[in-house]
Amino acid sequence: MYRDSAGTPARCAFRDLCRIAAMLCAILAMAGCAVAPPEDDPDALEAFVEINDPYEPLNRAVFEANLVLDRTVVRPAAHAYLKSVPRPVRIGISNFLENLRAPVTFANELLQGETELAANTFARFCMNSTVGLFGFIDVASEFGIMEHGEDFGQTLASWGIGSGPYLVLPVLGPSNFRDAGGRFVDSVGDPLIWTTPIGFRISTAGLSVLDFRARNYSAFNDLEENSLDFYAAARSLYRQYRAREIDNRRLPRVPPPSVPARVITESVR
């Protein structure tokens, strides 16, 4: 079993994720909730239920904190990355990071009973990891084997589990109870967390932030500048994006604004 530099078994990552989940539950339990309209105002009450954002005061506070992090750290870093790294190199890095996510996608496709998609993902991973030089070159797409992402949040949705209330996670951005739980399961089940040094995992996580932010630099900035209520726009965008992913429709991806991997509206390559 792999051990980190402190000699702790890699399964310590599981315990850390459990602590994070427990802390999130405690924060939500203590946080103020949005006040539902009175029952004698059925239109307002219907709109409140439809929005499904009972933690809106807390969510808005976390959203603003995420924006501060983006404006002070992520956006300047992405700008420097765009200016200093040639486009062919950036494309290769994007391909490499996508290839690293293939095992999690493969597992979720099997759990959803999508055997044809799972075979597609397996073929892509094998081809790009070998002929494509560890994924830096997307050879599979040249042969018509296209990328398709899946996560455990989508798997839960395919099993008929509802999304639950809307959430904005610190650093991670827009989510909901189902997708937050799915992210936790994907993190624990990712083979990389058990087989690679912690330095590699931290580096690839940071590079993922930089990659997504840089690829959508203008799109995210335009969305922020042109939205009357950026929080509400991000919430709506996130729900539309997740609905498209769950339906497995090959539409242009529009990930929601957030600080890390799904930091901005992702453009079609």
C-alpha atoms as a PDB file:
ATOM      1  CA  MET A   1       0.000   0.000   0.000  1.00  0.00           C
ATOM      2  CA  TYR A   2       1.226   3.474  -0.841  1.00  0.00           C
ATOM      3  CA  ARG A   3       2.220   5.668   2.123  1.00  0.00           C
ATOM      4  CA  ASP A   4       2.750   9.412   2.010  1.00  0.00           C
ATOM      5  CA  SER A   5       5.902  11.170   3.223  1.00  0.00           C
ATOM      6  CA  ALA A   6       4.668  11.096   6.813  1.00  0.00           C
ATOM      7  CA  GLY A   7       4.235   7.334   6.693  1.00  0.00           C
ATOM      8  CA  THR A   8       0.449   7.540   6.904  1.00  0.00           C
ATOM      9  CA  PRO A   9      -1.484   5.008   4.800  1.00  0.00           C
ATOM     10  CA  ALA A  10      -3.192   6.441   1.746  1.00  0.00           C
ATOM     11  CA  ARG A  11      -6.522   5.589   3.286  1.00  0.00           C
ATOM     12  CA  CYS A  12      -6.032   8.661   5.521  1.00  0.00           C
ATOM     13  CA  ALA A  13      -7.511  10.569   2.573  1.00  0.00           C
ATOM     14  CA  PHE A  14     -10.788   8.769   3.256  1.00  0.00           C
ATOM     15  CA  ARG A  15     -10.770   9.922   6.873  1.00  0.00           C
ATOM     16  CA  ASP A  16      -9.998  13.486   5.792  1.00  0.00           C
ATOM     17  CA  LEU A  17     -12.927  13.475   3.383  1.00  0.00           C
ATOM     18  CA  CYS A  18     -15.188  12.157   6.149  1.00  0.00           C
ATOM     19  CA  ARG A  19     -14.128  15.043   8.384  1.00  0.00           C
ATOM     20  CA  ILE A  20     -14.864  17.532   5.611  1.00  0.00           C
ATOM     21  CA  ALA A  21     -18.322  16.034   5.081  1.00  0.00           C
ATOM     22  CA  ALA A  22     -19.034  16.186   8.816  1.00  0.00           C
ATOM     23  CA  MET A  23     -17.931  19.820   8.963  1.00  0.00           C
ATOM     24  CA  LEU A  24     -20.191  20.694   6.030  1.00  0.00           C
ATOM     25  CA  CYS A  25     -23.171  19.077   7.741  1.00  0.00           C
ATOM     26  CA  ALA A  26     -22.436  21.008  10.919  1.00  0.00           C
ATOM     27  CA  ILE A  27     -22.195  24.303   9.037  1.00  0.00           C
ATOM     28  CA  LEU A  28     -25.515  23.690   7.293  1.00  0.00           C
ATOM     29  CA  ALA A  29     -27.152  22.773  10.586  1.00  0.00           C
ATOM     30  CA  MET A  30     -26.028  26.033  12.190  1.00  0.00           C
ATOM     31  CA  ALA A  31     -26.536  28.264   9.164  1.00  0.00           C
ATOM     32  CA  GLY A  32     -29.461  30.573   8.724  1.00  0.00           C
ATOM     33  CA  CYS A  33     -31.990  29.468   6.154  1.00  0.00           C
ATOM     34  CA  ALA A  34     -34.029  31.470   3.717  1.00  0.00           C
ATOM     35  CA  VAL A  35     -37.462  32.285   5.144  1.00  0.00           C
ATOM     36  CA  ALA A  36     -40.328  30.756   3.182  1.00  0.00           C
ATOM     37  CA  PRO A  37     -43.123  33.127   2.087  1.00  0.00           C
ATOM     38  CA  PRO A  38     -46.417  32.945   3.996  1.00  0.00           C
ATOM     39  CA  GLU A  39     -48.970  30.384   2.889  1.00  0.00           C
ATOM     40  CA  ASP A  40     -51.415  33.145   1.935  1.00  0.00           C
ATOM     41  CA  ASP A  41     -49.056  34.083  -0.939  1.00  0.00           C
ATOM     42  CA  PRO A  42     -49.225  30.919  -3.079  1.00  0.00           C
ATOM     43  CA  ASP A  43     -47.326  32.381  -6.041  1.00  0.00           C
ATOM     44  CA  ALA A  44     -44.356  33.410  -3.927  1.00  0.00           C
ATOM     45  CA  LEU A  45     -44.448  30.093  -2.083  1.00  0.00           C
ATOM     46  CA  GLU A  46     -44.473  28.166  -5.352  1.00  0.00           C
ATOM     47  CA  ALA A  47     -41.486  30.160  -6.624  1.00  0.00           C
ATOM     48  CA  PHE A  48     -39.619  29.516  -3.350  1.00  0.00           C
ATOM     49  CA  VAL A  49     -40.174  25.775  -3.621  1.00  0.00           C
ATOM     50  CA  GLU A  50     -39.194  25.741  -7.295  1.00  0.00           C
ATOM     51  CA  ILE A  51     -35.907  27.539  -6.632  1.00  0.00           C
ATOM     52  CA  ASN A  52     -35.115  24.925  -3.953  1.00  0.00           C
ATOM     53  CA  ASP A  53     -32.462  27.078  -2.306  1.00  0.00           C
ATOM     54  CA  PRO A  54     -33.336  27.051   1.414  1.00  0.00           C
ATOM     55  CA  TYR A  55     -29.743  27.879   2.395  1.00  0.00           C
ATOM     56  CA  GLU A  56     -29.548  30.938   0.153  1.00  0.00           C
ATOM     57  CA  PRO A  57     -28.082  33.341   2.766  1.00  0.00           C
ATOM     58  CA  LEU A  58     -25.224  30.940   3.487  1.00  0.00           C
ATOM     59  CA  ASN A  59     -24.843  30.024  -0.181  1.00  0.00           C
ATOM     60  CA  ARG A  60     -24.520  33.663  -1.200  1.00  0.00           C
ATOM     61  CA  ALA A  61     -21.849  34.244   1.432  1.00  0.00           C
ATOM     62  CA  VAL A  62     -19.842  31.238   0.230  1.00  0.00           C
ATOM     63  CA  PHE A  63     -20.360  32.296  -3.389  1.00  0.00           C
ATOM     64  CA  GLU A  64     -18.907  35.742  -2.649  1.00  0.00           C
ATOM     65  CA  ALA A  65     -15.939  34.187  -0.854  1.00  0.00           C
ATOM     66  CA  ASN A  66     -15.311  31.967  -3.884  1.00  0.00           C
ATOM     67  CA  LEU A  67     -15.399  35.034  -6.139  1.00  0.00           C
ATOM     68  CA  VAL A  68     -12.827  36.774  -3.973  1.00  0.00           C
ATOM     69  CA  LEU A  69     -10.546  33.756  -4.328  1.00  0.00           C
ATOM     70  CA  ASP A  70     -11.085  33.743  -8.068  1.00  0.00           C
ATOM     71  CA  ARG A  71     -10.384  37.459  -8.501  1.00  0.00           C
ATOM     72  CA  THR A  72      -7.294  37.492  -6.312  1.00  0.00           C
ATOM     73  CA  VAL A  73      -5.660  34.145  -7.157  1.00  0.00           C
ATOM     74  CA  VAL A  74      -7.241  32.047  -9.890  1.00  0.00           C
ATOM     75  CA  ARG A  75      -7.988  34.708 -12.496  1.00  0.00           C
ATOM     76  CA  PRO A  76      -4.505  36.307 -12.405  1.00  0.00           C
ATOM     77  CA  ALA A  77      -2.894  32.862 -12.546  1.00  0.00           C
ATOM     78  CA  ALA A  78      -5.063  31.878 -15.517  1.00  0.00           C
ATOM     79  CA  HIS A  79      -4.177  35.137 -17.290  1.00  0.00           C
ATOM     80  CA  ALA A  80      -0.465  34.468 -16.816  1.00  0.00           C
ATOM     81  CA  TYR A  81      -0.939  30.864 -17.976  1.00  0.00           C
ATOM     82  CA  LEU A  82      -2.630  32.012 -21.178  1.00  0.00           C
ATOM     83  CA  LYS A  83       0.073  34.540 -21.897  1.00  0.00           C
ATOM     84  CA  SER A  84       3.073  32.342 -21.163  1.00  0.00           C
ATOM     85  CA  VAL A  85       2.133  28.803 -22.241  1.00  0.00           C
ATOM     86  CA  PRO A  86       1.716  28.066 -25.983  1.00  0.00           C
ATOM     87  CA  ARG A  87      -1.702  26.827 -27.055  1.00  0.00           C
ATOM     88  CA  PRO A  88      -0.499  23.375 -28.246  1.00  0.00           C
ATOM     89  CA  VAL A  89       0.999  22.773 -24.804  1.00  0.00           C
ATOM     90  CA  ARG A  90      -2.218  23.869 -23.089  1.00  0.00           C
ATOM     91  CA  ILE A  91      -4.231  21.484 -25.280  1.00  0.00           C
ATOM     92  CA  GLY A  92      -1.896  18.645 -24.337  1.00  0.00           C
ATOM     93  CA  ILE A  93      -2.318  19.433 -20.633  1.00  0.00           C
ATOM     94  CA  SER A  94      -6.104  19.474 -21.008  1.00  0.00           C
ATOM     95  CA  ASN A  95      -5.977  16.094 -22.728  1.00  0.00           C
ATOM     96  CA  PHE A  96      -3.752  14.677 -19.978  1.00  0.00           C
ATOM     97  CA  LEU A  97      -6.099  15.830 -17.206  1.00  0.00           C
ATOM     98  CA  GLU A  98      -9.132  14.461 -19.027  1.00  0.00           C
ATOM     99  CA  ASN A  99      -7.404  11.114 -19.383  1.00  0.00           C
ATOM    100  CA  LEU A 100      -6.793  10.964 -15.631  1.00  0.00           C
ATOM    101  CA  ARG A 101     -10.559  11.197 -15.034  1.00  0.00           C
ATOM    102  CA  ALA A 102     -11.321   8.230 -17.304  1.00  0.00           C
ATOM    103  CA  PRO A 103     -11.299   5.504 -14.574  1.00  0.00           C
ATOM    104  CA  VAL A 104     -13.960   7.336 -12.545  1.00  0.00           C
ATOM    105  CA  THR A 105     -16.043   7.888 -15.671  1.00  0.00           C
ATOM    106  CA  PHE A 106     -15.682   4.215 -16.600  1.00  0.00           C
ATOM    107  CA  ALA A 107     -16.853   3.037 -13.166  1.00  0.00           C
ATOM    108  CA  ASN A 108     -19.892   5.322 -13.188  1.00  0.00           C
ATOM    109  CA  GLU A 109     -20.902   4.258 -16.677  1.00  0.00           C
ATOM    110  CA  LEU A 110     -20.870   0.639 -15.530  1.00  0.00           C
ATOM    111  CA  LEU A 111     -22.954   1.537 -12.468  1.00  0.00           C
ATOM    112  CA  GLN A 112     -25.468   3.218 -14.771  1.00  0.00           C
ATOM    113  CA  GLY A 113     -25.634   0.193 -17.050  1.00  0.00           C
ATOM    114  CA  GLU A 114     -24.154   2.203 -19.930  1.00  0.00           C
ATOM    115  CA  THR A 115     -21.962  -0.630 -21.198  1.00  0.00           C
ATOM    116  CA  GLU A 116     -21.439   0.862 -24.649  1.00  0.00           C
ATOM    117  CA  LEU A 117     -20.223   4.144 -23.168  1.00  0.00           C
ATOM    118  CA  ALA A 118     -18.036   2.250 -20.708  1.00  0.00           C
ATOM    119  CA  ALA A 119     -16.412   0.361 -23.570  1.00  0.00           C
ATOM    120  CA  ASN A 120     -15.872   3.671 -25.347  1.00  0.00           C
ATOM    121  CA  THR A 121     -14.201   5.181 -22.257  1.00  0.00           C
ATOM    122  CA  PHE A 122     -12.020   2.099 -21.732  1.00  0.00           C
ATOM    123  CA  ALA A 123     -10.860   2.186 -25.359  1.00  0.00           C
ATOM    124  CA  ARG A 124     -10.082   5.896 -25.109  1.00  0.00           C
ATOM    125  CA  PHE A 125      -8.092   5.449 -21.932  1.00  0.00           C
ATOM    126  CA  CYS A 126      -6.026   2.564 -23.303  1.00  0.00           C
ATOM    127  CA  MET A 127      -5.342   4.259 -26.614  1.00  0.00           C
ATOM    128  CA  ASN A 128      -4.535   7.707 -25.226  1.00  0.00           C
ATOM    129  CA  SER A 129      -2.450   6.351 -22.334  1.00  0.00           C
ATOM    130  CA  THR A 130      -0.193   4.439 -24.719  1.00  0.00           C
ATOM    131  CA  VAL A 131      -0.128   5.789 -28.250  1.00  0.00           C
ATOM    132  CA  GLY A 132      -1.191   9.202 -26.956  1.00  0.00           C
ATOM    133  CA  LEU A 133       1.771   9.481 -24.574  1.00  0.00           C
ATOM    134  CA  PHE A 134      -0.056   9.282 -21.222  1.00  0.00           C
ATOM    135  CA  GLY A 135      -3.000  11.188 -22.618  1.00  0.00           C
ATOM    136  CA  PHE A 136      -1.227  14.312 -23.835  1.00  0.00           C
ATOM    137  CA  ILE A 137      -2.329  13.508 -27.393  1.00  0.00           C
ATOM    138  CA  ASP A 138      -5.999  12.683 -27.949  1.00  0.00           C
ATOM    139  CA  VAL A 139      -5.450   9.909 -30.454  1.00  0.00           C
ATOM    140  CA  ALA A 140      -8.815   8.294 -29.738  1.00  0.00           C
ATOM    141  CA  SER A 141     -10.801  11.263 -31.006  1.00  0.00           C
ATOM    142  CA  GLU A 142      -8.981  11.013 -34.320  1.00  0.00           C
ATOM    143  CA  PHE A 143     -10.499   7.531 -34.634  1.00  0.00           C
ATOM    144  CA  GLY A 144     -13.976   8.741 -33.712  1.00  0.00           C
ATOM    145  CA  ILE A 145     -13.882   7.552 -30.083  1.00  0.00           C
ATOM    146  CA  MET A 146     -15.103  10.701 -28.380  1.00  0.00           C
ATOM    147  CA  GLU A 147     -14.869  11.771 -24.742  1.00  0.00           C
ATOM    148  CA  HIS A 148     -17.871  11.358 -22.428  1.00  0.00           C
ATOM    149  CA  GLY A 149     -17.760  12.310 -18.764  1.00  0.00           C
ATOM    150  CA  GLU A 150     -19.765  10.710 -15.949  1.00  0.00           C
ATOM    151  CA  ASP A 151     -19.717  11.113 -12.169  1.00  0.00           C
ATOM    152  CA  PHE A 152     -21.463   9.524  -9.208  1.00  0.00           C
ATOM    153  CA  GLY A 153     -23.912  12.419  -8.955  1.00  0.00           C
ATOM    154  CA  GLN A 154     -25.148  11.456 -12.417  1.00  0.00           C
ATOM    155  CA  THR A 155     -25.206   7.822 -11.349  1.00  0.00           C
ATOM    156  CA  LEU A 156     -27.424   8.663  -8.369  1.00  0.00           C
ATOM    157  CA  ALA A 157     -29.717  10.638 -10.680  1.00  0.00           C
ATOM    158  CA  SER A 158     -29.958   7.654 -13.033  1.00  0.00           C
ATOM    159  CA  TRP A 159     -31.101   5.608 -10.028  1.00  0.00           C
ATOM    160  CA  GLY A 160     -33.942   8.068  -9.442  1.00  0.00           C
ATOM    161  CA  ILE A 161     -32.433  10.006  -6.527  1.00  0.00           C
ATOM    162  CA  GLY A 162     -33.437  13.674  -6.478  1.00  0.00           C
ATOM    163  CA  SER A 163     -30.978  16.528  -6.385  1.00  0.00           C
ATOM    164  CA  GLY A 164     -31.957  17.922  -2.988  1.00  0.00           C
ATOM    165  CA  PRO A 165     -31.444  21.577  -2.014  1.00  0.00           C
ATOM    166  CA  TYR A 166     -29.006  23.777  -3.885  1.00  0.00           C
ATOM    167  CA  LEU A 167     -25.599  24.284  -2.272  1.00  0.00           C
ATOM    168  CA  VAL A 168     -22.533  26.403  -2.914  1.00  0.00           C
ATOM    169  CA  LEU A 169     -19.459  24.617  -1.606  1.00  0.00           C
ATOM    170  CA  PRO A 170     -16.341  26.476  -0.450  1.00  0.00           C
ATOM    171  CA  VAL A 171     -13.861  26.581  -3.365  1.00  0.00           C
ATOM    172  CA  LEU A 172     -15.790  23.872  -5.269  1.00  0.00           C
ATOM    173  CA  GLY A 173     -18.695  26.119  -6.208  1.00  0.00           C
ATOM    174  CA  PRO A 174     -22.314  25.292  -7.209  1.00  0.00           C
ATOM    175  CA  SER A 175     -23.660  21.898  -6.208  1.00  0.00           C
ATOM    176  CA  ASN A 176     -26.549  20.207  -4.408  1.00  0.00           C
ATOM    177  CA  PHE A 177     -26.888  17.468  -1.801  1.00  0.00           C
ATOM    178  CA  ARG A 178     -26.815  14.673  -4.383  1.00  0.00           C
ATOM    179  CA  ASP A 179     -23.875  16.028  -6.361  1.00  0.00           C
ATOM    180  CA  ALA A 180     -21.885  16.900  -3.232  1.00  0.00           C
ATOM    181  CA  GLY A 181     -22.289  13.310  -2.067  1.00  0.00           C
ATOM    182  CA  GLY A 182     -21.378  12.116  -5.537  1.00  0.00           C
ATOM    183  CA  ARG A 183     -18.218  14.204  -5.512  1.00  0.00           C
ATOM    184  CA  PHE A 184     -17.252  12.611  -2.196  1.00  0.00           C
ATOM    185  CA  VAL A 185     -17.742   9.083  -3.569  1.00  0.00           C
ATOM    186  CA  ASP A 186     -15.821   9.885  -6.765  1.00  0.00           C
ATOM    187  CA  SER A 187     -12.940  11.279  -4.704  1.00  0.00           C
ATOM    188  CA  VAL A 188     -12.747   8.196  -2.493  1.00  0.00           C
ATOM    189  CA  GLY A 189     -13.140   5.813  -5.422  1.00  0.00           C
ATOM    190  CA  ASP A 190     -10.614   7.484  -7.722  1.00  0.00           C
ATOM    191  CA  PRO A 191      -7.679   5.074  -8.151  1.00  0.00           C
ATOM    192  CA  LEU A 192      -5.290   8.028  -8.176  1.00  0.00           C
ATOM    193  CA  ILE A 193      -6.013   8.759  -4.522  1.00  0.00           C
ATOM    194  CA  TRP A 194      -4.720   5.307  -3.553  1.00  0.00           C
ATOM    195  CA  THR A 195      -1.893   4.837  -6.034  1.00  0.00           C
ATOM    196  CA  THR A 196      -0.117   8.171  -6.495  1.00  0.00           C
ATOM    197  CA  PRO A 197       1.950  10.388  -4.182  1.00  0.00           C
ATOM    198  CA  ILE A 198       0.140  13.254  -2.533  1.00  0.00           C
ATOM    199  CA  GLY A 199       2.349  15.743  -4.355  1.00  0.00           C
ATOM    200  CA  PHE A 200       1.109  14.438  -7.695  1.00  0.00           C
ATOM    201  CA  ARG A 201      -2.524  14.691  -6.602  1.00  0.00           C
ATOM    202  CA  ILE A 202      -2.101  18.241  -5.367  1.00  0.00           C
ATOM    203  CA  SER A 203      -0.300  19.248  -8.561  1.00  0.00           C
ATOM    204  CA  THR A 204      -2.946  17.799 -10.864  1.00  0.00           C
ATOM    205  CA  ALA A 205      -5.753  19.356  -8.808  1.00  0.00           C
ATOM    206  CA  GLY A 206      -4.134  22.777  -9.078  1.00  0.00           C
ATOM    207  CA  LEU A 207      -3.443  22.278 -12.756  1.00  0.00           C
ATOM    208  CA  SER A 208      -7.095  21.354 -13.312  1.00  0.00           C
ATOM    209  CA  VAL A 209      -8.159  24.663 -11.776  1.00  0.00           C
ATOM    210  CA  LEU A 210      -5.766  26.548 -14.007  1.00  0.00           C
ATOM    211  CA  ASP A 211      -6.716  24.601 -17.114  1.00  0.00           C
ATOM    212  CA  PHE A 212     -10.474  25.130 -16.841  1.00  0.00           C
ATOM    213  CA  ARG A 213     -10.180  28.770 -15.818  1.00  0.00           C
ATOM    214  CA  ALA A 214      -7.813  29.552 -18.667  1.00  0.00           C
ATOM    215  CA  ARG A 215      -9.870  27.758 -21.318  1.00  0.00           C
ATOM    216  CA  ASN A 216     -12.898  29.790 -20.365  1.00  0.00           C
ATOM    217  CA  TYR A 217     -11.274  33.005 -19.293  1.00  0.00           C
ATOM    218  CA  SER A 218     -13.374  35.398 -21.357  1.00  0.00           C
ATOM    219  CA  ALA A 219     -16.633  33.453 -21.032  1.00  0.00           C
ATOM    220  CA  PHE A 220     -16.601  33.538 -17.247  1.00  0.00           C
ATOM    221  CA  ASN A 221     -15.621  37.195 -17.071  1.00  0.00           C
ATOM    222  CA  ASP A 222     -18.384  38.142 -19.517  1.00  0.00           C
ATOM    223  CA  LEU A 223     -20.955  36.196 -17.556  1.00  0.00           C
ATOM    224  CA  GLU A 224     -19.999  37.951 -14.344  1.00  0.00           C
ATOM    225  CA  GLU A 225     -20.027  41.397 -15.925  1.00  0.00           C
ATOM    226  CA  ASN A 226     -23.341  40.971 -17.755  1.00  0.00           C
ATOM    227  CA  SER A 227     -25.408  39.302 -15.012  1.00  0.00           C
ATOM    228  CA  LEU A 228     -27.729  41.470 -12.925  1.00  0.00           C
ATOM    229  CA  ASP A 229     -27.626  38.800 -10.215  1.00  0.00           C
ATOM    230  CA  PHE A 230     -24.511  36.699 -10.759  1.00  0.00           C
ATOM    231  CA  TYR A 231     -25.459  34.281  -7.975  1.00  0.00           C
ATOM    232  CA  ALA A 232     -28.877  33.540  -9.500  1.00  0.00           C
ATOM    233  CA  ALA A 233     -27.351  33.244 -12.983  1.00  0.00           C
ATOM    234  CA  ALA A 234     -24.764  30.744 -11.725  1.00  0.00           C
ATOM    235  CA  ARG A 235     -27.455  28.741  -9.955  1.00  0.00           C
ATOM    236  CA  SER A 236     -29.586  28.540 -13.086  1.00  0.00           C
ATOM    237  CA  LEU A 237     -26.594  27.717 -15.280  1.00  0.00           C
ATOM    238  CA  TYR A 238     -25.489  24.936 -12.965  1.00  0.00           C
ATOM    239  CA  ARG A 239     -28.895  23.280 -13.007  1.00  0.00           C
ATOM    240  CA  GLN A 240     -29.132  23.453 -16.797  1.00  0.00           C
ATOM    241  CA  TYR A 241     -25.644  22.005 -17.128  1.00  0.00           C
ATOM    242  CA  ARG A 242     -26.344  19.118 -14.767  1.00  0.00           C
ATOM    243  CA  ALA A 243     -29.639  18.338 -16.504  1.00  0.00           C
ATOM    244  CA  ARG A 244     -27.785  18.049 -19.807  1.00  0.00           C
ATOM    245  CA  GLU A 245     -25.119  15.804 -18.305  1.00  0.00           C
ATOM    246  CA  ILE A 246     -27.662  13.543 -16.634  1.00  0.00           C
ATOM    247  CA  ASP A 247     -29.553  13.204 -19.911  1.00  0.00           C
ATOM    248  CA  ASN A 248     -26.279  12.129 -21.552  1.00  0.00           C
ATOM    249  CA  ARG A 249     -26.887  14.504 -24.399  1.00  0.00           C
ATOM    250  CA  ARG A 250     -23.790  15.485 -26.335  1.00  0.00           C
ATOM    251  CA  LEU A 251     -24.435  19.197 -26.131  1.00  0.00           C
ATOM    252  CA  PRO A 252     -21.826  21.933 -25.710  1.00  0.00           C
ATOM    253  CA  ARG A 253     -20.710  21.777 -22.097  1.00  0.00           C
ATOM    254  CA  VAL A 254     -21.556  24.786 -19.951  1.00  0.00           C
ATOM    255  CA  PRO A 255     -20.107  24.121 -16.482  1.00  0.00           C
ATOM    256  CA  PRO A 256     -21.115  26.514 -13.727  1.00  0.00           C
ATOM    257  CA  PRO A 257     -18.994  29.313 -12.356  1.00  0.00           C
ATOM    258  CA  SER A 258     -16.802  28.205  -9.461  1.00  0.00           C
ATOM    259  CA  VAL A 259     -13.208  28.436  -8.380  1.00  0.00           C
ATOM    260  CA  PRO A 260     -11.788  24.999  -9.081  1.00  0.00           C
ATOM    261  CA  ALA A 261     -12.231  22.538 -11.907  1.00  0.00           C
ATOM    262  CA  ARG A 262     -15.687  23.734 -12.795  1.00  0.00           C
ATOM    263  CA  VAL A 263     -14.735  27.314 -12.356  1.00  0.00           C
ATOM    264  CA  ILE A 264     -16.394  28.772 -15.398  1.00  0.00           C
ATOM    265  CA  THR A 265     -18.539  28.289 -18.440  1.00  0.00           C
ATOM    266  CA  GLU A 266     -16.601  25.736 -20.434  1.00  0.00           C
ATOM    267  CA  SER A 267     -16.537  26.379 -24.146  1.00  0.00           C
ATOM    268  CA  VAL A 268     -16.633  23.721 -26.819  1.00  0.00           C
ATOM    269  CA  ARG A 269     -13.130  22.818 -27.842  1.00  0.00           C
END
